[in-house]
Amino acid sequence: MDQLLTKGNFRKGNDIFTTNDVYVGNYGDSNMYDQVFWLRLILNKATETKQTKRIRRKCSNFSVAIKMAEITEEVETLYSEYLAIMKFDGYPSCKDCIPELNNEIAAFDTYMIEVRNSDQLIGVGFFDKGQKALMSVLHFYHPNYNKFSIGKYLMLLTKDFSEVHQMDFVYPGYFFIGLSKMDYKIFPQQDAIEVYLPVEEIWEPLSNYTKIQLEEYFFKKIMVIDFENSEVNEQLDATEDIETSQEF
C-alpha cells in the first residue's frame, strides 16, 4: 500500500485507483468535472497550532476508542444522518465505501476511530494502516455536533495514531482546484502538506503552489494543452482562411 500511495493512488472500494479529475455535477446537458490533486501530510513537520489546541480542548470531554474496524447498525445510522446534511455526493453507505473489511478478501488493514459523548456515537473515522503510512478512508459525525469540529478532531486523532506507530505520512486523499469543499484536508497546517505532481511523479510542498498554478499545471502538463500556442494557431488558421478566400 505504501508504494502505491507514493504514486498518487488511493483506495476505492476494495481496489486502488488514481485520477486527475472528478465528476462534480451537470451544467445544462454537459457533465462537469473539476481538477483534483492528491495530498499527504508529513508527520515530522506537523506541529500543534492554536487551532489544533482549541479543537482538542473543545472535544476533551468526549471518549475516544481506536480499534479494528467494524461496520455496525449504529455506525451506518450515524453515517446516514451525516450524509443527509452534507452538500456533496457520498457513498450510499459505509458498506459501499468499504465492501470488504478485515477478512480474507479485504485488500487493506482497516482501523476505526470512535468518538462518543457518554454512550452516544458522535464521530467515526476509518483509515487503512500500511508499514509507514496511513490512508484516511472515511470520516463522519453527528450533525448536532458540528460546532465541535469533530471532522478535524478525527484528523488529529488519525495523526496521533500515526505518530505513536512511528509512521511517516498520512494520506487524506485529494482536494479540488475549482471547489473549496475539500480544502479541510489541508488541516492541520499547509506547511506540512505536500501535493503530488503526476507527470514528474514527485511530491512538492503545497505552499509552493496556488490553485491557479495547479490549474495551469493540469492543463499544460497533464492534458498537454498550451492555450497560448492554441490562440496563435487559431489566428494563423483564420489568416490562411482569409487568404484562401481572397484567391478565389
C-alpha atoms as a PDB file:
ATOM      1  CA  MET A   1       0.000   0.000   0.000  1.00  0.00           C
ATOM      2  CA  ASP A   2       2.754   2.440   0.912  1.00  0.00           C
ATOM      3  CA  GLN A   3       4.393   2.275  -2.515  1.00  0.00           C
ATOM      4  CA  LEU A   4       1.091   2.763  -4.323  1.00  0.00           C
ATOM      5  CA  LEU A   5       0.278   5.789  -2.179  1.00  0.00           C
ATOM      6  CA  THR A   6       3.586   7.427  -3.102  1.00  0.00           C
ATOM      7  CA  LYS A   7       2.483   7.254  -6.766  1.00  0.00           C
ATOM      8  CA  GLY A   8      -0.759   9.120  -6.207  1.00  0.00           C
ATOM      9  CA  ASN A   9      -3.017   6.079  -5.839  1.00  0.00           C
ATOM     10  CA  PHE A  10      -5.846   5.695  -3.339  1.00  0.00           C
ATOM     11  CA  ARG A  11      -8.450   3.232  -2.127  1.00  0.00           C
ATOM     12  CA  LYS A  12     -11.745   2.869  -3.979  1.00  0.00           C
ATOM     13  CA  GLY A  13     -13.869   0.102  -2.554  1.00  0.00           C
ATOM     14  CA  ASN A  14     -11.580  -2.911  -2.258  1.00  0.00           C
ATOM     15  CA  ASP A  15      -9.322  -1.704  -5.074  1.00  0.00           C
ATOM     16  CA  ILE A  16      -6.761   1.025  -5.696  1.00  0.00           C
ATOM     17  CA  PHE A  17      -7.062   3.788  -8.285  1.00  0.00           C
ATOM     18  CA  THR A  18      -5.929   7.269  -9.267  1.00  0.00           C
ATOM     19  CA  THR A  19      -7.456  10.154 -11.168  1.00  0.00           C
ATOM     20  CA  ASN A  20      -6.774  13.752 -12.141  1.00  0.00           C
ATOM     21  CA  ASP A  21     -10.390  14.924 -12.335  1.00  0.00           C
ATOM     22  CA  VAL A  22     -13.673  14.092 -10.631  1.00  0.00           C
ATOM     23  CA  TYR A  23     -17.297  14.440 -11.698  1.00  0.00           C
ATOM     24  CA  VAL A  24     -18.976  17.253  -9.740  1.00  0.00           C
ATOM     25  CA  GLY A  25     -22.385  17.618 -11.412  1.00  0.00           C
ATOM     26  CA  ASN A  26     -24.197  18.786 -14.518  1.00  0.00           C
ATOM     27  CA  TYR A  27     -24.409  22.157 -16.219  1.00  0.00           C
ATOM     28  CA  GLY A  28     -27.154  22.076 -18.816  1.00  0.00           C
ATOM     29  CA  ASP A  29     -26.593  18.983 -20.934  1.00  0.00           C
ATOM     30  CA  SER A  30     -22.886  18.729 -20.053  1.00  0.00           C
ATOM     31  CA  ASN A  31     -21.170  16.696 -17.359  1.00  0.00           C
ATOM     32  CA  MET A  32     -18.970  18.906 -15.184  1.00  0.00           C
ATOM     33  CA  TYR A  33     -15.602  17.826 -13.817  1.00  0.00           C
ATOM     34  CA  ASP A  34     -13.098  19.519 -11.539  1.00  0.00           C
ATOM     35  CA  GLN A  35      -9.364  19.008 -11.423  1.00  0.00           C
ATOM     36  CA  VAL A  36      -8.005  17.243  -8.335  1.00  0.00           C
ATOM     37  CA  PHE A  37      -4.563  16.829  -6.805  1.00  0.00           C
ATOM     38  CA  TRP A  38      -3.524  14.254  -4.206  1.00  0.00           C
ATOM     39  CA  LEU A  39      -2.205  15.363  -0.813  1.00  0.00           C
ATOM     40  CA  ARG A  40      -0.154  13.927   2.005  1.00  0.00           C
ATOM     41  CA  LEU A  41       0.746  15.110   5.499  1.00  0.00           C
ATOM     42  CA  ILE A  42       4.413  14.896   6.526  1.00  0.00           C
ATOM     43  CA  LEU A  43       4.186  13.892  10.167  1.00  0.00           C
ATOM     44  CA  ASN A  44       7.581  15.189  11.297  1.00  0.00           C
ATOM     45  CA  LYS A  45       6.618  18.665  10.038  1.00  0.00           C
ATOM     46  CA  ALA A  46       3.173  18.749  11.634  1.00  0.00           C
ATOM     47  CA  THR A  47       3.100  20.758  14.849  1.00  0.00           C
ATOM     48  CA  GLU A  48       0.388  21.847  17.243  1.00  0.00           C
ATOM     49  CA  THR A  49      -1.182  25.191  16.401  1.00  0.00           C
ATOM     50  CA  LYS A  50      -3.659  27.472  18.168  1.00  0.00           C
ATOM     51  CA  GLN A  51      -6.415  25.911  16.080  1.00  0.00           C
ATOM     52  CA  THR A  52      -5.486  22.293  16.846  1.00  0.00           C
ATOM     53  CA  LYS A  53      -5.191  23.060  20.566  1.00  0.00           C
ATOM     54  CA  ARG A  54      -8.585  24.777  20.527  1.00  0.00           C
ATOM     55  CA  ILE A  55     -10.225  21.768  18.857  1.00  0.00           C
ATOM     56  CA  ARG A  56      -8.646  19.373  21.352  1.00  0.00           C
ATOM     57  CA  ARG A  57      -9.963  21.480  24.243  1.00  0.00           C
ATOM     58  CA  LYS A  58     -13.489  21.570  22.788  1.00  0.00           C
ATOM     59  CA  CYS A  59     -13.501  17.767  22.420  1.00  0.00           C
ATOM     60  CA  SER A  60     -11.708  16.938  25.667  1.00  0.00           C
ATOM     61  CA  ASN A  61     -14.856  15.613  27.378  1.00  0.00           C
ATOM     62  CA  PHE A  62     -15.557  13.059  24.647  1.00  0.00           C
ATOM     63  CA  SER A  63     -14.267   9.498  24.878  1.00  0.00           C
ATOM     64  CA  VAL A  64     -12.151   8.009  22.083  1.00  0.00           C
ATOM     65  CA  ALA A  65     -11.553   4.402  21.063  1.00  0.00           C
ATOM     66  CA  ILE A  66      -9.337   3.159  18.214  1.00  0.00           C
ATOM     67  CA  LYS A  67      -9.793  -0.453  17.152  1.00  0.00           C
ATOM     68  CA  MET A  68     -10.014  -2.827  14.218  1.00  0.00           C
ATOM     69  CA  ALA A  69     -12.819  -1.569  12.028  1.00  0.00           C
ATOM     70  CA  GLU A  70     -16.352  -2.932  12.018  1.00  0.00           C
ATOM     71  CA  ILE A  71     -19.489  -1.602  10.375  1.00  0.00           C
ATOM     72  CA  THR A  72     -22.449  -1.909  12.717  1.00  0.00           C
ATOM     73  CA  GLU A  73     -26.017  -0.672  12.511  1.00  0.00           C
ATOM     74  CA  GLU A  74     -25.055   2.124  14.900  1.00  0.00           C
ATOM     75  CA  VAL A  75     -22.249   3.225  12.560  1.00  0.00           C
ATOM     76  CA  GLU A  76     -24.464   3.109   9.468  1.00  0.00           C
ATOM     77  CA  THR A  77     -27.169   5.135  11.243  1.00  0.00           C
ATOM     78  CA  LEU A  78     -24.680   7.850  12.125  1.00  0.00           C
ATOM     79  CA  TYR A  79     -23.386   7.903   8.553  1.00  0.00           C
ATOM     80  CA  SER A  80     -26.903   8.278   7.118  1.00  0.00           C
ATOM     81  CA  GLU A  81     -27.569  11.216   9.463  1.00  0.00           C
ATOM     82  CA  TYR A  82     -24.319  12.843   8.354  1.00  0.00           C
ATOM     83  CA  LEU A  83     -24.946  12.196   4.653  1.00  0.00           C
ATOM     84  CA  ALA A  84     -28.392  13.786   4.852  1.00  0.00           C
ATOM     85  CA  ILE A  85     -26.989  17.239   5.656  1.00  0.00           C
ATOM     86  CA  MET A  86     -23.841  17.153   3.510  1.00  0.00           C
ATOM     87  CA  LYS A  87     -23.868  19.144   0.247  1.00  0.00           C
ATOM     88  CA  PHE A  88     -21.812  16.695  -1.797  1.00  0.00           C
ATOM     89  CA  ASP A  89     -22.116  13.219  -3.225  1.00  0.00           C
ATOM     90  CA  GLY A  90     -21.030  10.385  -0.982  1.00  0.00           C
ATOM     91  CA  TYR A  91     -21.212   6.632  -0.824  1.00  0.00           C
ATOM     92  CA  PRO A  92     -24.781   5.448  -0.055  1.00  0.00           C
ATOM     93  CA  SER A  93     -23.460   3.579   2.977  1.00  0.00           C
ATOM     94  CA  CYS A  94     -20.253   2.720   4.808  1.00  0.00           C
ATOM     95  CA  LYS A  95     -20.515  -0.791   3.396  1.00  0.00           C
ATOM     96  CA  ASP A  96     -20.462   0.641  -0.134  1.00  0.00           C
ATOM     97  CA  CYS A  97     -17.290   2.545   0.713  1.00  0.00           C
ATOM     98  CA  ILE A  98     -15.621  -0.394   2.462  1.00  0.00           C
ATOM     99  CA  PRO A  99     -17.160  -3.549   0.939  1.00  0.00           C
ATOM    100  CA  GLU A 100     -14.627  -5.944   2.448  1.00  0.00           C
ATOM    101  CA  LEU A 101     -13.441  -5.454   5.989  1.00  0.00           C
ATOM    102  CA  ASN A 102     -10.599  -7.322   7.701  1.00  0.00           C
ATOM    103  CA  ASN A 103     -11.291 -10.678   6.111  1.00  0.00           C
ATOM    104  CA  GLU A 104      -9.508 -12.921   3.620  1.00  0.00           C
ATOM    105  CA  ILE A 105     -10.820 -10.893   0.670  1.00  0.00           C
ATOM    106  CA  ALA A 106     -10.015  -7.470   2.131  1.00  0.00           C
ATOM    107  CA  ALA A 107      -7.073  -5.762   0.443  1.00  0.00           C
ATOM    108  CA  PHE A 108      -6.477  -3.357   3.343  1.00  0.00           C
ATOM    109  CA  ASP A 109      -5.758  -3.423   7.068  1.00  0.00           C
ATOM    110  CA  THR A 110      -8.558  -1.134   8.268  1.00  0.00           C
ATOM    111  CA  TYR A 111      -8.999   0.534  11.662  1.00  0.00           C
ATOM    112  CA  MET A 112     -11.652   2.836  13.035  1.00  0.00           C
ATOM    113  CA  ILE A 113     -11.856   5.739  15.475  1.00  0.00           C
ATOM    114  CA  GLU A 114     -14.977   6.080  17.602  1.00  0.00           C
ATOM    115  CA  VAL A 115     -15.782   9.360  19.357  1.00  0.00           C
ATOM    116  CA  ARG A 116     -18.576   9.247  21.932  1.00  0.00           C
ATOM    117  CA  ASN A 117     -20.398  11.677  24.176  1.00  0.00           C
ATOM    118  CA  SER A 118     -21.289   9.378  27.057  1.00  0.00           C
ATOM    119  CA  ASP A 119     -22.868   6.425  25.228  1.00  0.00           C
ATOM    120  CA  GLN A 120     -23.814   8.312  22.056  1.00  0.00           C
ATOM    121  CA  LEU A 121     -21.654   7.698  18.991  1.00  0.00           C
ATOM    122  CA  ILE A 122     -20.946  11.162  17.530  1.00  0.00           C
ATOM    123  CA  GLY A 123     -17.963  10.603  15.244  1.00  0.00           C
ATOM    124  CA  VAL A 124     -16.313   7.815  13.237  1.00  0.00           C
ATOM    125  CA  GLY A 125     -13.143   7.730  11.177  1.00  0.00           C
ATOM    126  CA  PHE A 126     -11.913   4.803   9.090  1.00  0.00           C
ATOM    127  CA  PHE A 127      -8.303   4.506   7.975  1.00  0.00           C
ATOM    128  CA  ASP A 128      -6.031   1.894   6.389  1.00  0.00           C
ATOM    129  CA  LYS A 129      -2.682   1.134   8.024  1.00  0.00           C
ATOM    130  CA  GLY A 130       0.429   0.481   5.977  1.00  0.00           C
ATOM    131  CA  GLN A 131       4.046  -0.014   7.009  1.00  0.00           C
ATOM    132  CA  LYS A 132       4.978   3.671   7.295  1.00  0.00           C
ATOM    133  CA  ALA A 133       1.820   5.432   6.104  1.00  0.00           C
ATOM    134  CA  LEU A 134      -1.871   5.724   6.876  1.00  0.00           C
ATOM    135  CA  MET A 135      -4.629   6.350   4.354  1.00  0.00           C
ATOM    136  CA  SER A 136      -7.753   8.142   5.604  1.00  0.00           C
ATOM    137  CA  VAL A 137     -10.817   6.465   4.120  1.00  0.00           C
ATOM    138  CA  LEU A 138     -13.991   7.972   5.565  1.00  0.00           C
ATOM    139  CA  HIS A 139     -14.795  10.472   8.338  1.00  0.00           C
ATOM    140  CA  PHE A 140     -18.271  11.486   9.506  1.00  0.00           C
ATOM    141  CA  TYR A 141     -20.012  12.858  12.565  1.00  0.00           C
ATOM    142  CA  HIS A 142     -23.400  13.692  14.055  1.00  0.00           C
ATOM    143  CA  PRO A 143     -24.782  16.960  12.615  1.00  0.00           C
ATOM    144  CA  ASN A 144     -25.706  18.233  16.083  1.00  0.00           C
ATOM    145  CA  TYR A 145     -22.008  18.342  16.996  1.00  0.00           C
ATOM    146  CA  ASN A 146     -20.876  20.457  14.072  1.00  0.00           C
ATOM    147  CA  LYS A 147     -19.642  23.264  16.354  1.00  0.00           C
ATOM    148  CA  PHE A 148     -17.098  20.894  17.933  1.00  0.00           C
ATOM    149  CA  SER A 149     -15.214  20.389  14.619  1.00  0.00           C
ATOM    150  CA  ILE A 150     -15.461  16.615  15.000  1.00  0.00           C
ATOM    151  CA  GLY A 151     -14.222  16.071  11.424  1.00  0.00           C
ATOM    152  CA  LYS A 152     -10.978  17.888  12.153  1.00  0.00           C
ATOM    153  CA  TYR A 153     -10.753  16.212  15.549  1.00  0.00           C
ATOM    154  CA  LEU A 154     -10.828  12.852  13.747  1.00  0.00           C
ATOM    155  CA  MET A 155      -7.963  14.068  11.548  1.00  0.00           C
ATOM    156  CA  LEU A 156      -5.963  14.958  14.672  1.00  0.00           C
ATOM    157  CA  LEU A 157      -6.680  11.546  16.205  1.00  0.00           C
ATOM    158  CA  THR A 158      -5.538   9.877  12.975  1.00  0.00           C
ATOM    159  CA  LYS A 159      -2.330  11.913  13.117  1.00  0.00           C
ATOM    160  CA  ASP A 160      -1.831  10.954  16.782  1.00  0.00           C
ATOM    161  CA  PHE A 161      -2.169   7.242  15.968  1.00  0.00           C
ATOM    162  CA  SER A 162       0.318   7.642  13.117  1.00  0.00           C
ATOM    163  CA  GLU A 163       2.882   9.311  15.345  1.00  0.00           C
ATOM    164  CA  VAL A 164       2.533   6.687  18.087  1.00  0.00           C
ATOM    165  CA  HIS A 165       3.165   3.988  15.463  1.00  0.00           C
ATOM    166  CA  GLN A 166       6.135   5.912  14.020  1.00  0.00           C
ATOM    167  CA  MET A 167       4.606   6.498  10.614  1.00  0.00           C
ATOM    168  CA  ASP A 168       5.985   8.972   8.091  1.00  0.00           C
ATOM    169  CA  PHE A 169       2.866  10.099   6.250  1.00  0.00           C
ATOM    170  CA  VAL A 170      -0.909  10.414   6.408  1.00  0.00           C
ATOM    171  CA  TYR A 171      -2.677  10.452   3.033  1.00  0.00           C
ATOM    172  CA  PRO A 172      -6.034  12.296   3.297  1.00  0.00           C
ATOM    173  CA  GLY A 173      -6.956  11.948  -0.399  1.00  0.00           C
ATOM    174  CA  TYR A 174      -7.386  14.689  -2.985  1.00  0.00           C
ATOM    175  CA  PHE A 175      -8.604  18.251  -2.959  1.00  0.00           C
ATOM    176  CA  PHE A 176     -10.366  20.220  -5.688  1.00  0.00           C
ATOM    177  CA  ILE A 177      -8.908  23.092  -7.668  1.00  0.00           C
ATOM    178  CA  GLY A 178     -12.187  24.807  -8.597  1.00  0.00           C
ATOM    179  CA  LEU A 179     -14.163  23.950  -5.448  1.00  0.00           C
ATOM    180  CA  SER A 180     -13.334  24.575  -1.802  1.00  0.00           C
ATOM    181  CA  LYS A 181     -15.267  21.718  -0.194  1.00  0.00           C
ATOM    182  CA  MET A 182     -12.162  19.519   0.215  1.00  0.00           C
ATOM    183  CA  ASP A 183      -9.866  22.287   1.445  1.00  0.00           C
ATOM    184  CA  TYR A 184     -10.270  20.996   5.009  1.00  0.00           C
ATOM    185  CA  LYS A 185      -7.750  18.285   4.053  1.00  0.00           C
ATOM    186  CA  ILE A 186      -5.009  20.922   4.233  1.00  0.00           C
ATOM    187  CA  PHE A 187      -5.583  20.831   8.002  1.00  0.00           C
ATOM    188  CA  PRO A 188      -3.727  20.780  10.389  1.00  0.00           C
ATOM    189  CA  GLN A 189      -1.279  23.100   8.608  1.00  0.00           C
ATOM    190  CA  GLN A 190      -0.416  23.802   4.996  1.00  0.00           C
ATOM    191  CA  ASP A 191       3.330  23.933   5.667  1.00  0.00           C
ATOM    192  CA  ALA A 192       3.254  20.202   6.478  1.00  0.00           C
ATOM    193  CA  ILE A 193       1.268  19.230   3.359  1.00  0.00           C
ATOM    194  CA  GLU A 194       2.719  18.027   0.063  1.00  0.00           C
ATOM    195  CA  VAL A 195       0.974  17.817  -3.319  1.00  0.00           C
ATOM    196  CA  TYR A 196       1.616  15.100  -5.912  1.00  0.00           C
ATOM    197  CA  LEU A 197       2.701  16.161  -9.398  1.00  0.00           C
ATOM    198  CA  PRO A 198       1.795  13.149 -11.573  1.00  0.00           C
ATOM    199  CA  VAL A 199       3.818  13.992 -14.686  1.00  0.00           C
ATOM    200  CA  GLU A 200       7.108  14.214 -12.784  1.00  0.00           C
ATOM    201  CA  GLU A 201       5.906  11.618 -10.219  1.00  0.00           C
ATOM    202  CA  ILE A 202       7.168  13.724  -7.323  1.00  0.00           C
ATOM    203  CA  TRP A 203       5.754  15.316  -4.178  1.00  0.00           C
ATOM    204  CA  GLU A 204       6.255  19.045  -3.656  1.00  0.00           C
ATOM    205  CA  PRO A 205       5.336  21.399  -0.778  1.00  0.00           C
ATOM    206  CA  LEU A 206       1.779  22.597  -1.328  1.00  0.00           C
ATOM    207  CA  SER A 207       2.849  26.027  -0.090  1.00  0.00           C
ATOM    208  CA  ASN A 208       4.881  26.407  -3.311  1.00  0.00           C
ATOM    209  CA  TYR A 209       1.707  26.476  -5.410  1.00  0.00           C
ATOM    210  CA  THR A 210      -1.502  28.429  -5.660  1.00  0.00           C
ATOM    211  CA  LYS A 211      -4.642  26.787  -7.016  1.00  0.00           C
ATOM    212  CA  ILE A 212      -4.240  28.868 -10.164  1.00  0.00           C
ATOM    213  CA  GLN A 213      -0.744  27.460 -10.686  1.00  0.00           C
ATOM    214  CA  LEU A 214      -2.000  23.905 -10.139  1.00  0.00           C
ATOM    215  CA  GLU A 215      -4.794  24.517 -12.639  1.00  0.00           C
ATOM    216  CA  GLU A 216      -2.205  25.673 -15.194  1.00  0.00           C
ATOM    217  CA  TYR A 217      -0.160  22.557 -14.430  1.00  0.00           C
ATOM    218  CA  PHE A 218      -3.222  20.377 -15.036  1.00  0.00           C
ATOM    219  CA  PHE A 219      -3.940  21.776 -18.477  1.00  0.00           C
ATOM    220  CA  LYS A 220      -0.385  22.253 -19.702  1.00  0.00           C
ATOM    221  CA  LYS A 221       1.305  19.126 -18.329  1.00  0.00           C
ATOM    222  CA  ILE A 222      -1.438  16.597 -17.679  1.00  0.00           C
ATOM    223  CA  MET A 223      -3.805  17.492 -20.525  1.00  0.00           C
ATOM    224  CA  VAL A 224      -0.947  18.867 -22.687  1.00  0.00           C
ATOM    225  CA  ILE A 225      -2.936  21.910 -23.750  1.00  0.00           C
ATOM    226  CA  ASP A 226      -0.939  25.056 -24.482  1.00  0.00           C
ATOM    227  CA  PHE A 227      -3.545  27.791 -24.589  1.00  0.00           C
ATOM    228  CA  GLU A 228      -1.079  30.450 -25.752  1.00  0.00           C
ATOM    229  CA  ASN A 229       0.030  28.427 -28.764  1.00  0.00           C
ATOM    230  CA  SER A 230      -3.558  27.385 -29.409  1.00  0.00           C
ATOM    231  CA  GLU A 231      -4.554  31.014 -29.734  1.00  0.00           C
ATOM    232  CA  VAL A 232      -1.658  31.666 -32.120  1.00  0.00           C
ATOM    233  CA  ASN A 233      -2.630  28.639 -34.188  1.00  0.00           C
ATOM    234  CA  GLU A 234      -6.242  29.791 -34.365  1.00  0.00           C
ATOM    235  CA  GLN A 235      -5.101  33.203 -35.568  1.00  0.00           C
ATOM    236  CA  LEU A 236      -2.880  31.621 -38.229  1.00  0.00           C
ATOM    237  CA  ASP A 237      -5.722  29.363 -39.360  1.00  0.00           C
ATOM    238  CA  ALA A 238      -8.045  32.357 -39.609  1.00  0.00           C
ATOM    239  CA  THR A 239      -5.450  34.279 -41.662  1.00  0.00           C
ATOM    240  CA  GLU A 240      -4.988  31.337 -44.002  1.00  0.00           C
ATOM    241  CA  ASP A 241      -8.751  31.093 -44.493  1.00  0.00           C
ATOM    242  CA  ILE A 242      -8.956  34.776 -45.417  1.00  0.00           C
ATOM    243  CA  GLU A 243      -6.056  34.498 -47.867  1.00  0.00           C
ATOM    244  CA  THR A 244      -7.610  31.430 -49.472  1.00  0.00           C
ATOM    245  CA  SER A 245     -10.956  33.146 -49.904  1.00  0.00           C
ATOM    246  CA  GLN A 246      -9.266  36.193 -51.475  1.00  0.00           C
ATOM    247  CA  GLU A 247      -7.581  33.964 -54.085  1.00  0.00           C
ATOM    248  CA  PHE A 248     -10.973  32.871 -55.342  1.00  0.00           C
END
